[in-house]
Protein backbone atom coordinates (compact mmCIF):
# COMPACT_ATOMS: atom_id res chain seq x y z
CA MET A 1 185.32 57.92 86.49
CA GLU A 2 186.45 55.54 89.19
CA ALA A 3 189.47 57.66 90.18
CA TRP A 4 187.23 60.78 90.30
CA PHE A 5 184.76 59.16 92.83
CA GLN A 6 187.72 57.94 94.95
CA SER A 7 189.15 61.51 94.95
CA LEU A 8 185.78 62.58 96.49
CA ASP A 9 186.05 59.85 99.28
CA ILE A 10 182.53 58.56 98.36
CA PRO A 11 181.75 55.12 99.83
CA GLY A 12 181.48 52.31 97.32
CA TRP A 13 177.82 51.66 97.91
CA LEU A 14 176.96 55.30 97.30
CA ARG A 15 179.10 55.30 94.04
CA ALA A 16 177.18 52.33 92.82
CA LEU A 17 173.84 53.89 93.69
CA ILE A 18 174.82 57.15 91.99
CA VAL A 19 175.82 55.19 88.74
CA VAL A 20 172.52 53.17 88.72
CA VAL A 21 170.27 56.22 89.38
CA GLY A 22 172.19 58.20 86.79
CA THR A 23 172.02 55.41 84.17
CA ILE A 24 168.24 54.96 84.76
CA VAL A 25 167.50 58.71 84.37
CA LEU A 26 169.88 58.92 81.31
CA VAL A 27 168.43 55.92 79.64
CA ARG A 28 164.73 56.90 80.16
CA ILE A 29 165.34 60.47 78.91
CA VAL A 30 167.14 59.25 75.78
CA PHE A 31 164.41 56.66 74.99
CA ILE A 32 161.70 59.21 75.70
CA LEU A 33 163.18 61.52 73.06
CA ILE A 34 163.55 58.62 70.62
CA LYS A 35 159.88 57.63 71.00
CA GLY A 36 158.78 61.24 70.57
CA ARG A 37 160.76 61.24 67.26
CA VAL A 38 159.30 57.98 66.09
CA GLN A 39 155.78 59.45 66.88
CA LYS A 40 156.45 62.41 64.78
CA THR A 41 158.08 60.93 61.76
CA THR A 42 156.11 57.61 61.49
CA ARG A 43 152.73 57.75 59.61
CA ASP A 44 151.97 54.05 60.38
CA GLN A 45 150.31 54.26 63.82
CA ASP A 46 150.56 50.59 64.28
CA GLY A 47 154.17 50.57 63.36
CA ALA A 48 154.95 53.49 65.65
CA TYR A 49 153.10 51.77 68.54
CA ARG A 50 155.17 48.49 68.06
CA THR A 51 158.30 50.48 67.83
CA LYS A 52 157.71 52.42 71.01
CA LYS A 53 156.94 49.15 72.89
CA ALA A 54 160.21 47.65 71.61
CA LEU A 55 162.09 50.77 72.77
CA ASP A 56 160.55 50.45 76.29
CA PHE A 57 161.76 46.82 76.42
CA VAL A 58 165.23 47.68 75.27
CA SER A 59 165.53 50.49 77.85
CA TYR A 60 164.60 48.03 80.61
CA LEU A 61 167.13 45.51 79.36
CA ILE A 62 169.82 48.06 79.31
CA ILE A 63 169.00 49.12 82.95
CA ILE A 64 169.05 45.46 84.07
CA LEU A 65 172.43 44.89 82.29
CA VAL A 66 173.85 48.00 84.10
CA LEU A 67 172.61 46.75 87.49
CA LEU A 68 174.17 43.40 86.92
CA PHE A 69 177.50 45.00 85.88
CA VAL A 70 177.62 47.48 88.88
CA TYR A 71 176.78 44.80 91.35
CA SER A 72 178.75 41.97 89.72
CA LYS A 73 181.25 41.66 92.47
CA ASN A 74 178.49 41.35 94.98
CA LEU A 75 176.95 38.61 92.97
CA GLY A 76 179.89 36.39 92.91
CA GLY A 77 179.22 34.98 96.28
CA LEU A 78 175.41 34.44 95.40
CA SER A 79 176.07 32.40 92.30
CA VAL A 80 175.56 29.04 94.12
CA ALA A 81 172.46 30.20 95.95
CA LEU A 82 171.17 31.65 92.75
CA GLY A 83 171.64 28.42 91.00
CA VAL A 84 169.99 26.40 93.56
CA THR A 85 166.88 28.72 93.90
CA GLY A 86 166.73 29.24 90.14
CA ALA A 87 164.53 26.37 89.40
CA GLY A 88 162.21 27.43 92.14
CA VAL A 89 162.10 31.00 91.02
CA ALA A 90 161.42 29.99 87.53
CA PHE A 91 158.56 27.76 88.65
CA ALA A 92 157.01 30.60 90.81
CA LEU A 93 157.35 33.04 88.05
CA GLN A 94 156.24 30.71 85.08
CA GLU A 95 153.20 32.79 84.42
CA VAL A 96 155.17 36.06 84.19
CA ILE A 97 157.77 34.23 81.91
CA ALA A 98 155.08 32.97 79.80
CA SER A 99 153.46 36.37 79.45
CA VAL A 100 156.72 38.00 78.34
CA ALA A 101 157.11 35.17 75.84
CA GLY A 102 153.41 35.81 74.78
CA TRP A 103 154.33 39.49 74.28
CA ILE A 104 157.22 38.62 72.05
CA ALA A 105 154.92 36.41 70.09
CA LEU A 106 152.33 39.21 69.81
CA MET A 107 154.88 41.64 68.57
CA PHE A 108 156.14 39.48 65.78
CA GLY A 109 153.61 36.68 65.34
CA ASN A 110 150.69 38.82 64.15
CA PHE A 111 148.08 37.33 66.35
CA TYR A 112 146.44 40.63 66.71
CA ARG A 113 147.26 44.46 66.93
CA THR A 114 145.93 47.46 68.73
CA GLY A 115 142.62 48.36 67.31
CA ASP A 116 141.71 44.88 66.35
CA ARG A 117 138.52 43.34 67.77
CA VAL A 118 139.24 39.98 69.32
CA GLN A 119 137.73 37.21 71.51
CA LEU A 120 140.06 35.79 74.09
CA GLY A 121 138.23 32.89 75.87
CA GLY A 122 134.88 34.31 76.61
CA ILE A 123 135.86 37.96 76.54
CA LYS A 124 135.38 40.02 73.37
CA GLY A 125 136.43 43.55 72.84
CA ASP A 126 138.79 45.92 71.04
CA VAL A 127 142.55 45.78 71.81
CA ILE A 128 143.66 49.20 73.19
CA ASP A 129 146.97 48.32 74.62
CA ILE A 130 149.57 45.40 74.49
CA GLY A 131 151.81 45.53 77.40
CA ILE A 132 154.80 43.31 78.19
CA LEU A 133 152.53 41.26 80.67
CA ARG A 134 149.03 41.97 79.78
CA THR A 135 146.85 42.87 76.91
CA THR A 136 144.02 45.46 77.57
CA LEU A 137 140.75 45.32 75.99
CA MET A 138 137.64 47.64 75.92
CA GLU A 139 134.98 45.05 76.36
CA THR A 140 131.95 44.67 74.13
CA GLY A 141 128.66 42.76 74.74
CA GLN A 142 127.80 41.02 77.99
CA TRP A 143 124.67 42.78 79.21
CA VAL A 144 124.80 45.13 76.17
CA ASP A 145 123.26 43.70 73.06
CA GLY A 146 125.25 43.80 69.80
CA ASP A 147 128.78 44.67 69.37
CA LEU A 148 128.75 47.78 71.47
CA TYR A 149 131.08 48.83 74.24
CA ASN A 150 129.81 48.16 77.80
CA GLY A 151 132.35 50.39 79.50
CA ARG A 152 134.53 47.80 81.19
CA ILE A 153 138.26 47.60 80.66
CA VAL A 154 139.74 44.00 80.82
CA ARG A 155 143.31 43.15 81.26
CA ILE A 156 144.39 39.57 80.08
CA ALA A 157 147.67 37.97 80.59
CA ASN A 158 149.63 37.52 77.28
CA SER A 159 150.45 33.85 78.16
CA PHE A 160 146.74 33.33 77.06
CA VAL A 161 147.87 33.16 73.46
CA PHE A 162 149.62 29.88 74.10
CA LYS A 163 146.57 28.32 75.97
CA GLU A 164 143.43 29.07 74.14
CA PRO A 165 142.20 30.01 70.68
CA VAL A 166 142.46 33.60 69.69
CA PHE A 167 139.56 34.89 67.55
CA ASN A 168 140.33 38.01 65.45
CA TYR A 169 137.41 39.68 63.86
CA SER A 170 139.44 42.28 61.98
CA GLY A 171 142.77 40.77 61.22
CA ASP A 172 143.53 40.04 57.53
CA PHE A 173 139.90 40.27 56.52
CA PRO A 174 137.94 43.13 58.38
CA PHE A 175 134.54 41.83 57.21
CA LEU A 176 132.22 39.33 58.67
CA TRP A 177 129.44 37.27 57.09
CA ASP A 178 126.11 38.04 58.66
CA GLU A 179 122.47 37.15 57.89
CA ILE A 180 118.93 37.96 58.81
CA LYS A 181 115.97 35.68 58.53
CA ILE A 182 112.38 36.90 57.41
CA PRO A 183 109.47 34.65 57.94
CA ILE A 184 106.77 35.11 55.26
CA GLN A 185 103.22 33.59 55.45
CA TYR A 186 102.05 30.79 53.12
CA GLY A 187 100.01 32.12 50.31
CA SER A 188 102.14 35.35 49.89
CA ASP A 189 103.88 36.49 46.72
CA TYR A 190 107.12 34.74 47.12
CA GLY A 191 108.73 36.11 44.08
CA MET A 192 107.88 39.64 45.12
CA ALA A 193 109.26 38.99 48.55
CA GLN A 194 112.66 37.78 47.19
CA ALA A 195 112.84 40.67 44.83
CA ILE A 196 112.28 43.02 47.68
CA LEU A 197 115.13 41.56 49.65
CA GLU A 198 117.47 41.47 46.71
CA LYS A 199 116.76 44.98 45.93
CA ILE A 200 117.44 46.20 49.46
CA ALA A 201 120.53 44.10 49.71
CA THR A 202 121.91 45.58 46.52
CA ASP A 203 121.19 49.17 47.71
CA GLN A 204 122.69 48.81 51.21
CA VAL A 205 125.20 45.98 51.42
CA ALA A 206 126.54 45.19 47.99
CA LYS A 207 129.26 47.92 48.29
CA ASN A 208 130.83 45.84 51.17
CA ALA A 209 131.20 42.99 48.62
CA GLU A 210 133.15 45.15 46.24
CA GLU A 211 135.72 46.16 48.97
CA GLY A 212 135.67 42.71 50.52
CA LYS A 213 136.52 41.07 47.23
CA ARG A 214 139.79 43.04 46.93
CA ILE A 215 140.91 42.09 50.33
CA TRP A 216 139.66 38.37 49.98
CA ASN A 217 141.87 38.03 46.89
CA LYS A 218 144.87 38.88 48.97
CA MET A 219 143.69 36.18 51.49
CA VAL A 220 143.50 33.49 48.70
CA SER A 221 146.98 34.41 47.63
CA LYS A 222 148.28 34.23 51.32
CA TYR A 223 146.48 31.21 52.55
CA LEU A 224 145.28 27.87 51.36
CA ILE A 225 141.71 28.90 51.02
CA GLU A 226 139.21 28.85 48.38
CA ASP A 227 137.50 31.81 46.74
CA ALA A 228 134.24 32.77 48.43
CA GLN A 229 130.88 34.38 47.51
CA LEU A 230 130.79 37.88 48.95
CA GLU A 231 127.84 39.21 46.92
CA PRO A 232 124.58 39.24 48.93
CA MET A 233 122.57 36.09 48.62
CA VAL A 234 118.87 35.28 49.28
CA SER A 235 117.70 31.76 49.99
CA LEU A 236 114.40 30.34 51.25
CA THR A 237 113.27 27.30 53.17
CA ALA A 238 109.78 26.11 54.13
CA ASN A 239 108.76 24.81 57.50
CA ASP A 240 105.54 23.99 59.32
CA ASN A 241 104.66 27.59 60.09
CA TRP A 242 106.00 29.89 57.35
CA VAL A 243 108.44 30.42 54.40
CA GLU A 244 111.63 31.64 55.71
CA PHE A 245 113.93 33.88 53.56
CA THR A 246 117.54 34.18 54.64
CA LEU A 247 119.52 37.23 53.49
CA ARG A 248 123.24 36.63 53.72
CA TYR A 249 125.87 39.36 53.21
CA VAL A 250 129.27 40.71 54.35
CA VAL A 251 129.57 43.67 56.69
CA ASP A 252 132.28 45.55 58.35
CA TYR A 253 132.88 44.00 61.79
CA LYS A 254 132.05 47.30 63.57
CA SER A 255 128.73 47.96 61.42
CA ARG A 256 126.67 44.79 62.16
CA ARG A 257 124.17 46.42 64.36
CA ARG A 258 123.78 49.55 62.27
CA THR A 259 123.57 47.48 59.06
CA LYS A 260 120.88 45.23 60.57
CA HIS A 261 118.84 48.24 61.62
CA GLY A 262 118.91 49.64 57.96
CA LEU A 263 118.02 46.44 56.43
CA PHE A 264 115.07 45.66 58.69
CA SER A 265 113.76 49.32 58.45
CA SER A 266 113.78 49.08 54.66
CA ILE A 267 112.18 45.61 54.69
CA LEU A 268 109.37 46.61 56.99
CA LYS A 269 108.66 49.70 54.74
CA GLU A 270 108.71 47.71 51.47
CA VAL A 271 106.58 44.83 52.78
CA ALA A 272 103.88 47.41 54.02
CA ALA A 273 103.82 48.92 50.51
CA THR A 274 102.76 45.64 48.94
CA SER A 275 99.13 45.96 50.20
CA GLY A 276 98.95 42.49 51.66
CA LYS A 277 100.72 40.62 48.83
CA VAL A 278 103.55 39.77 51.17
CA ARG A 279 102.79 39.26 54.76
CA PHE A 280 105.02 38.42 57.61
CA GLY A 281 104.67 35.00 59.29
CA SER A 282 104.15 34.76 63.03
CA ALA A 283 103.56 31.92 65.37
CA THR A 284 99.94 31.10 66.17
CA PHE A 285 98.27 28.64 68.55
CA GLU A 286 95.00 26.94 68.22
CA VAL A 287 93.08 25.62 71.24
CA VAL A 288 91.21 22.47 69.97
CA GLY A 289 89.28 21.96 73.16
CA VAL A 290 88.91 21.98 76.95
CA PRO A 291 88.49 18.54 78.79
CA GLU A 292 85.39 18.27 80.87
CA LEU A 293 85.94 18.53 84.64
CA GLN A 294 83.93 16.65 87.17
CA ILE A 295 83.98 17.75 90.76
CA LYS A 296 82.72 15.31 93.48
CA ARG A 297 81.75 16.74 96.86
CA THR A 298 81.79 14.42 99.85
CA PRO A 299 79.32 15.11 102.59
CA GLY A 300 80.81 16.42 105.75
């Protein structure tokens, strides 16, 4: 190859440029074909995604190695300067280096995957991409109530995984414990109220406990964690204003709002059908008296 270039009387800098550009084009084409093959043959979408990201990293690494090889002669005189400035460059690029290290940790550490719902610091959303430097989230919440998208896309440096806690709503256990509180007036039929809540819970959320139990058993075998109650549970407490029933249940992390809507709709309907035997509690205020006001008028 070298002799062929010399026979064409091509300057050295141009030969190096041709080799570099040709290598970049060839490497990118080969790796694009490989990624297309992976996408077609792999059924596991998460596995395919991770493989494609790893292939991108390898292609960039090959291109960098080729650049170092082609320009190795020119780098010899810069070795001293690079050694002196290396510490400064490392300090200036510490966030970039930490982000690349965070990407490697994310690829192999199982912090979260694409499709997971996470909270990084005060930002909550679904992971839609994990790049070499940044993780991209489709944000939920903020000015939107519930776990619904608000339309903002947020990019967070991967170095975050080494600095702050990472909350994963859908990792090994894709269910959450949730609860609703129902205030019932004193003098109501408390047994009937509890029976209504238990029946509604059995009809609407008990199926989550069956699926959750299967996954939770894997959690118990994987981590040092005790077995937990996943079946719906109704409990009550009494305070100064009313008797408060609490319905606790497990729910898919993406269905909290929809599940609460169904539960409250059924509860309102069933309580209305009791003909006053069960009544909702509400805050009331009693005015016990108004102090007498005396107004003195001075002559003027």
